[in-house]
Amino acid sequence: MKSKRKGNDMTDHKQLHETLKQLSTDIRMLIDLSKHETAESWDQMIDTVKKELADESGPGKGRRGKTEDLVYRALISEIYDHLGLLVKNLKASQERLRNLATRDLLTGLYNRNFFNETIVRDIQKARRQHETLSMILIDINNFKNINDTYGHLHGDGVLRECAQLLKLSVRKSDFLCRYGGDEFVIVTPMPDCEANLPLFARIEENLREWNAAYSTFDYTLSLSIGCAVWKEGDNLTEVLNKADREMYRNKKKKNNPTKHGRR
């Protein structure tokens, strides 16, 4: 009987060591997955490991010594606690990387790369639903002079302020991004540029409030706006170019922010 008991204990130890060995393999797999998969995949794997470890019907139940059992369980618990921490840290890293890839660091708005990625999906959706999209380009007037007179740090502040007042002006259904330099883009689901007049009015009102709050500057902040509408069958680049041309035409008309292109 003692010989049989000893044999069972040896089998028990072997299986427990195999479990720990498998956990070590899972950790390496998690680290490898971090380069390719989402954190949700790691959560699923950890849940699987935890269920396996919590299985009280596994080999050796009722035969291991209590001290030995506690040691193994503590070790195993520590292992998947570390795995949980790894998932948490990698999720945070993923979010930081996503922000770096999609957000403009200066203004916090979406960047041009994300615009290029998103607009393709928006156009595909609009095409399926036979809808139109308004493309609105916005440029800060005399921004070079502001930079030259007050310095680039002040210019950066103006860019951030413009980003904020545009955020206050758009609706949740609108897409706003920094297009580059001192230019911004807003995409709205409006059928024509006339339907965007309330948006232009909100921008103008927010500009008035900003200029009133910063009246000590010897310049008045103003924006030039150009609008064009994409409809099914249109080329996006041509529509953006049209909005750009309208924006520069309006810039020559003393930069009235409520003026816009028509289509």
Protein backbone atom coordinates (compact mmCIF):
# COMPACT_ATOMS: atom_id res chain seq x y z
CA MET A 1 0.00 0.00 0.00
CA LYS A 2 2.84 2.36 0.87
CA SER A 3 4.45 1.63 -2.48
CA LYS A 4 1.21 2.40 -4.27
CA ARG A 5 0.79 5.62 -2.27
CA LYS A 6 4.31 6.68 -3.13
CA GLY A 7 3.63 6.01 -6.79
CA ASN A 8 0.48 8.14 -6.69
CA ASP A 9 2.37 11.00 -5.02
CA MET A 10 5.07 10.88 -7.67
CA THR A 11 2.40 11.01 -10.39
CA ASP A 12 0.80 13.93 -8.55
CA HIS A 13 4.05 15.88 -8.40
CA LYS A 14 4.72 15.21 -12.06
CA GLN A 15 1.29 16.46 -13.11
CA LEU A 16 1.61 19.57 -10.93
CA HIS A 17 4.98 20.36 -12.42
CA GLU A 18 3.48 19.88 -15.88
CA THR A 19 0.78 22.39 -14.93
CA LEU A 20 3.37 24.93 -13.85
CA LYS A 21 5.37 24.25 -16.97
CA GLN A 22 2.26 24.87 -19.07
CA LEU A 23 1.66 28.14 -17.22
CA SER A 24 5.18 29.22 -18.04
CA THR A 25 4.47 28.43 -21.68
CA ASP A 26 1.24 30.44 -21.48
CA ILE A 27 3.16 33.43 -20.12
CA ARG A 28 5.56 33.31 -23.04
CA MET A 29 2.63 32.98 -25.40
CA LEU A 30 0.97 36.01 -23.81
CA ILE A 31 4.08 38.08 -24.30
CA ASP A 32 4.25 36.96 -27.92
CA LEU A 33 0.55 37.69 -28.40
CA SER A 34 1.13 41.21 -27.11
CA LYS A 35 2.79 41.96 -30.42
CA HIS A 36 -0.12 40.77 -32.49
CA GLU A 37 -3.35 40.36 -30.55
CA THR A 38 -5.64 42.50 -28.46
CA ALA A 39 -5.72 42.55 -24.70
CA GLU A 40 -9.10 40.80 -24.85
CA SER A 41 -7.30 37.70 -26.18
CA TRP A 42 -5.04 37.74 -23.14
CA ASP A 43 -8.06 38.08 -20.83
CA GLN A 44 -9.58 34.97 -22.40
CA MET A 45 -6.38 33.01 -21.97
CA ILE A 46 -6.04 34.03 -18.32
CA ASP A 47 -9.66 33.04 -17.65
CA THR A 48 -8.94 29.62 -19.13
CA VAL A 49 -5.85 29.20 -16.94
CA LYS A 50 -7.75 30.27 -13.84
CA LYS A 51 -10.53 27.76 -14.51
CA GLU A 52 -8.00 24.99 -14.93
CA LEU A 53 -6.26 25.93 -11.67
CA ALA A 54 -9.56 26.15 -9.79
CA ASP A 55 -10.63 22.66 -10.90
CA GLU A 56 -10.90 20.72 -7.61
CA SER A 57 -11.58 17.44 -9.41
CA GLY A 58 -8.10 17.35 -10.92
CA PRO A 59 -5.45 14.74 -10.25
CA GLY A 60 -4.19 14.51 -6.71
CA LYS A 61 -7.33 15.80 -5.00
CA GLY A 62 -7.29 14.75 -1.35
CA ARG A 63 -3.86 13.15 -1.54
CA ARG A 64 -1.40 16.06 -1.35
CA GLY A 65 -0.27 17.34 1.98
CA LYS A 66 -1.87 20.62 3.08
CA THR A 67 1.46 22.47 3.24
CA GLU A 68 2.45 21.32 -0.23
CA ASP A 69 -0.98 22.21 -1.57
CA LEU A 70 -0.78 25.73 -0.13
CA VAL A 71 2.70 26.26 -1.60
CA TYR A 72 1.60 25.22 -5.09
CA ARG A 73 -1.59 27.27 -4.92
CA ALA A 74 0.29 30.36 -3.73
CA LEU A 75 2.79 29.95 -6.54
CA ILE A 76 0.08 29.45 -9.13
CA SER A 77 -1.93 32.40 -7.77
CA GLU A 78 1.13 34.61 -8.00
CA ILE A 79 1.68 33.53 -11.60
CA TYR A 80 -1.75 34.50 -12.87
CA ASP A 81 -1.75 37.67 -10.76
CA HIS A 82 1.34 38.66 -12.74
CA LEU A 83 -0.50 37.74 -15.93
CA GLY A 84 -3.37 40.00 -14.93
CA LEU A 85 -0.95 42.85 -14.30
CA LEU A 86 0.63 42.22 -17.69
CA VAL A 87 -2.79 42.50 -19.37
CA LYS A 88 -3.57 45.73 -17.51
CA ASN A 89 -0.26 47.30 -18.49
CA LEU A 90 -0.55 46.19 -22.10
CA LYS A 91 -4.09 47.55 -22.35
CA ALA A 92 -2.80 50.92 -21.16
CA SER A 93 0.07 50.72 -23.65
CA GLN A 94 -2.36 49.89 -26.45
CA GLU A 95 -4.45 52.94 -25.60
CA ARG A 96 -1.39 55.19 -25.54
CA LEU A 97 -0.21 53.83 -28.89
CA ARG A 98 -3.67 54.28 -30.38
CA ASN A 99 -3.75 57.90 -29.23
CA LEU A 100 -0.29 58.50 -30.70
CA ALA A 101 -1.47 57.00 -33.99
CA THR A 102 -4.82 58.80 -34.21
CA ARG A 103 -4.51 62.03 -32.22
CA ASP A 104 -2.70 65.28 -32.93
CA LEU A 105 -0.32 65.80 -30.01
CA LEU A 106 -0.69 69.59 -29.95
CA THR A 107 -4.47 70.01 -30.11
CA GLY A 108 -5.75 66.62 -29.00
CA LEU A 109 -7.95 66.43 -32.11
CA TYR A 110 -7.91 63.50 -34.49
CA ASN A 111 -5.04 63.75 -36.96
CA ARG A 112 -4.89 63.54 -40.73
CA ASN A 113 -3.89 59.87 -40.73
CA PHE A 114 -7.04 59.01 -38.81
CA PHE A 115 -9.08 61.21 -41.15
CA ASN A 116 -7.73 59.29 -44.14
CA GLU A 117 -8.65 56.03 -42.44
CA THR A 118 -12.09 57.12 -41.25
CA ILE A 119 -13.29 58.95 -44.33
CA VAL A 120 -13.02 55.78 -46.41
CA ARG A 121 -15.46 54.01 -44.07
CA ASP A 122 -17.74 57.06 -43.93
CA ILE A 123 -17.92 57.24 -47.71
CA GLN A 124 -18.61 53.52 -48.00
CA LYS A 125 -21.45 53.88 -45.49
CA ALA A 126 -22.83 56.98 -47.25
CA ARG A 127 -22.67 55.18 -50.59
CA ARG A 128 -24.61 52.19 -49.24
CA GLN A 129 -27.26 54.43 -47.73
CA HIS A 130 -27.32 56.86 -50.68
CA GLU A 131 -26.38 59.78 -48.44
CA THR A 132 -24.14 62.84 -48.86
CA LEU A 133 -21.31 64.26 -46.77
CA SER A 134 -20.27 67.88 -46.35
CA MET A 135 -16.50 68.48 -46.40
CA ILE A 136 -15.59 71.69 -44.56
CA LEU A 137 -12.03 73.04 -44.60
CA ILE A 138 -11.04 75.74 -42.10
CA ASP A 139 -7.90 77.88 -42.06
CA ILE A 140 -6.65 80.38 -39.47
CA ASN A 141 -6.23 83.79 -41.08
CA ASN A 142 -2.83 85.50 -40.85
CA PHE A 143 -1.45 82.67 -38.77
CA LYS A 144 2.07 83.20 -40.10
CA ASN A 145 1.99 86.81 -38.92
CA ILE A 146 0.82 85.68 -35.47
CA ASN A 147 3.72 83.24 -35.31
CA ASP A 148 6.25 85.81 -36.52
CA THR A 149 5.02 88.51 -34.15
CA TYR A 150 4.36 86.55 -30.95
CA GLY A 151 6.50 83.45 -31.46
CA HIS A 152 5.76 79.81 -32.12
CA LEU A 153 4.76 79.02 -28.54
CA HIS A 154 2.01 81.64 -28.78
CA GLY A 155 1.09 80.23 -32.19
CA ASP A 156 0.77 76.76 -30.68
CA GLY A 157 -1.55 78.22 -28.07
CA VAL A 158 -3.70 79.76 -30.81
CA LEU A 159 -3.93 76.39 -32.54
CA ARG A 160 -5.08 74.78 -29.30
CA GLU A 161 -7.63 77.55 -28.71
CA CYS A 162 -9.00 77.18 -32.24
CA ALA A 163 -9.27 73.42 -31.76
CA GLN A 164 -11.27 73.97 -28.58
CA LEU A 165 -13.67 76.50 -30.07
CA LEU A 166 -14.26 74.20 -33.04
CA LYS A 167 -14.96 71.32 -30.65
CA LEU A 168 -17.53 73.54 -28.94
CA SER A 169 -19.12 74.29 -32.32
CA VAL A 170 -19.50 70.83 -33.85
CA ARG A 171 -22.18 68.28 -33.06
CA LYS A 172 -21.57 64.71 -31.89
CA SER A 173 -22.38 63.43 -35.37
CA ASP A 174 -19.65 65.63 -36.94
CA PHE A 175 -16.05 64.56 -37.43
CA LEU A 176 -13.36 67.13 -36.58
CA CYS A 177 -9.63 66.81 -37.14
CA ARG A 178 -6.49 68.88 -37.53
CA TYR A 179 -5.69 68.51 -41.21
CA GLY A 180 -2.19 69.95 -40.95
CA GLY A 181 -0.50 73.25 -40.12
CA ASP A 182 -3.24 75.75 -39.31
CA GLU A 183 -5.96 73.88 -41.21
CA PHE A 184 -8.83 71.84 -39.82
CA VAL A 185 -11.46 69.60 -41.43
CA ILE A 186 -15.03 68.99 -40.35
CA VAL A 187 -17.13 66.28 -41.99
CA THR A 188 -20.88 66.54 -41.45
CA PRO A 189 -23.78 64.39 -42.70
CA MET A 190 -25.47 67.44 -44.23
CA PRO A 191 -26.98 67.30 -47.74
CA ASP A 192 -25.63 70.71 -48.81
CA CYS A 193 -23.55 73.61 -47.55
CA GLU A 194 -26.61 75.70 -46.71
CA ALA A 195 -27.55 73.07 -44.11
CA ASN A 196 -24.24 73.82 -42.36
CA LEU A 197 -25.09 77.49 -41.74
CA PRO A 198 -25.97 76.82 -38.07
CA LEU A 199 -22.51 75.29 -37.62
CA PHE A 200 -20.86 78.33 -39.23
CA ALA A 201 -22.91 80.59 -36.97
CA ARG A 202 -21.75 78.70 -33.87
CA ILE A 203 -18.13 79.01 -35.01
CA GLU A 204 -18.57 82.75 -35.59
CA GLU A 205 -20.17 83.21 -32.16
CA ASN A 206 -17.38 81.28 -30.43
CA LEU A 207 -14.82 83.39 -32.29
CA ARG A 208 -16.52 86.60 -31.08
CA GLU A 209 -16.40 85.35 -27.51
CA TRP A 210 -12.74 84.39 -27.83
CA ASN A 211 -11.78 87.78 -29.27
CA ALA A 212 -13.71 89.53 -26.51
CA ALA A 213 -11.90 87.48 -23.86
CA TYR A 214 -8.47 88.18 -25.39
CA SER A 215 -9.01 91.77 -26.49
CA THR A 216 -5.53 92.73 -25.24
CA PHE A 217 -3.98 91.20 -28.37
CA ASP A 218 -3.46 93.58 -31.27
CA TYR A 219 -5.05 91.15 -33.70
CA THR A 220 -8.50 89.68 -34.19
CA LEU A 221 -8.62 85.92 -34.59
CA SER A 222 -10.61 84.90 -37.65
CA LEU A 223 -11.11 81.81 -39.78
CA SER A 224 -11.73 81.17 -43.45
CA ILE A 225 -14.11 78.36 -44.31
CA GLY A 226 -14.72 76.44 -47.51
CA CYS A 227 -17.42 73.85 -48.02
CA ALA A 228 -18.13 71.27 -50.72
CA VAL A 229 -20.43 68.25 -50.76
CA TRP A 230 -19.55 64.69 -51.61
CA LYS A 231 -22.32 62.67 -53.23
CA GLU A 232 -22.38 59.21 -54.70
CA GLY A 233 -20.09 58.98 -57.71
CA ASP A 234 -17.87 61.91 -56.66
CA ASN A 235 -14.11 61.69 -56.22
CA LEU A 236 -13.14 62.57 -52.66
CA THR A 237 -9.91 64.33 -53.64
CA GLU A 238 -11.78 66.56 -56.09
CA VAL A 239 -14.38 67.43 -53.44
CA LEU A 240 -11.67 68.34 -50.91
CA ASN A 241 -9.89 70.43 -53.55
CA LYS A 242 -13.12 72.27 -54.24
CA ALA A 243 -13.62 72.99 -50.54
CA ASP A 244 -10.00 74.18 -50.39
CA ARG A 245 -10.52 76.56 -53.31
CA GLU A 246 -13.69 77.95 -51.69
CA MET A 247 -11.79 78.46 -48.46
CA TYR A 248 -9.09 80.53 -50.16
CA ARG A 249 -11.67 82.51 -52.12
CA ASN A 250 -13.37 83.36 -48.83
CA LYS A 251 -9.99 84.29 -47.35
CA LYS A 252 -9.76 87.00 -50.02
CA LYS A 253 -13.25 88.22 -49.10
CA LYS A 254 -11.99 89.59 -45.76
CA ASN A 255 -12.27 86.16 -44.15
CA ASN A 256 -15.97 86.14 -43.37
CA PRO A 257 -16.38 82.83 -41.47
CA THR A 258 -20.02 82.44 -42.45
CA LYS A 259 -19.23 82.37 -46.15
CA HIS A 260 -18.99 78.99 -47.75
CA GLY A 261 -18.97 77.15 -51.04
CA ARG A 262 -22.17 75.89 -52.62
CA ARG A 263 -22.84 72.83 -54.65
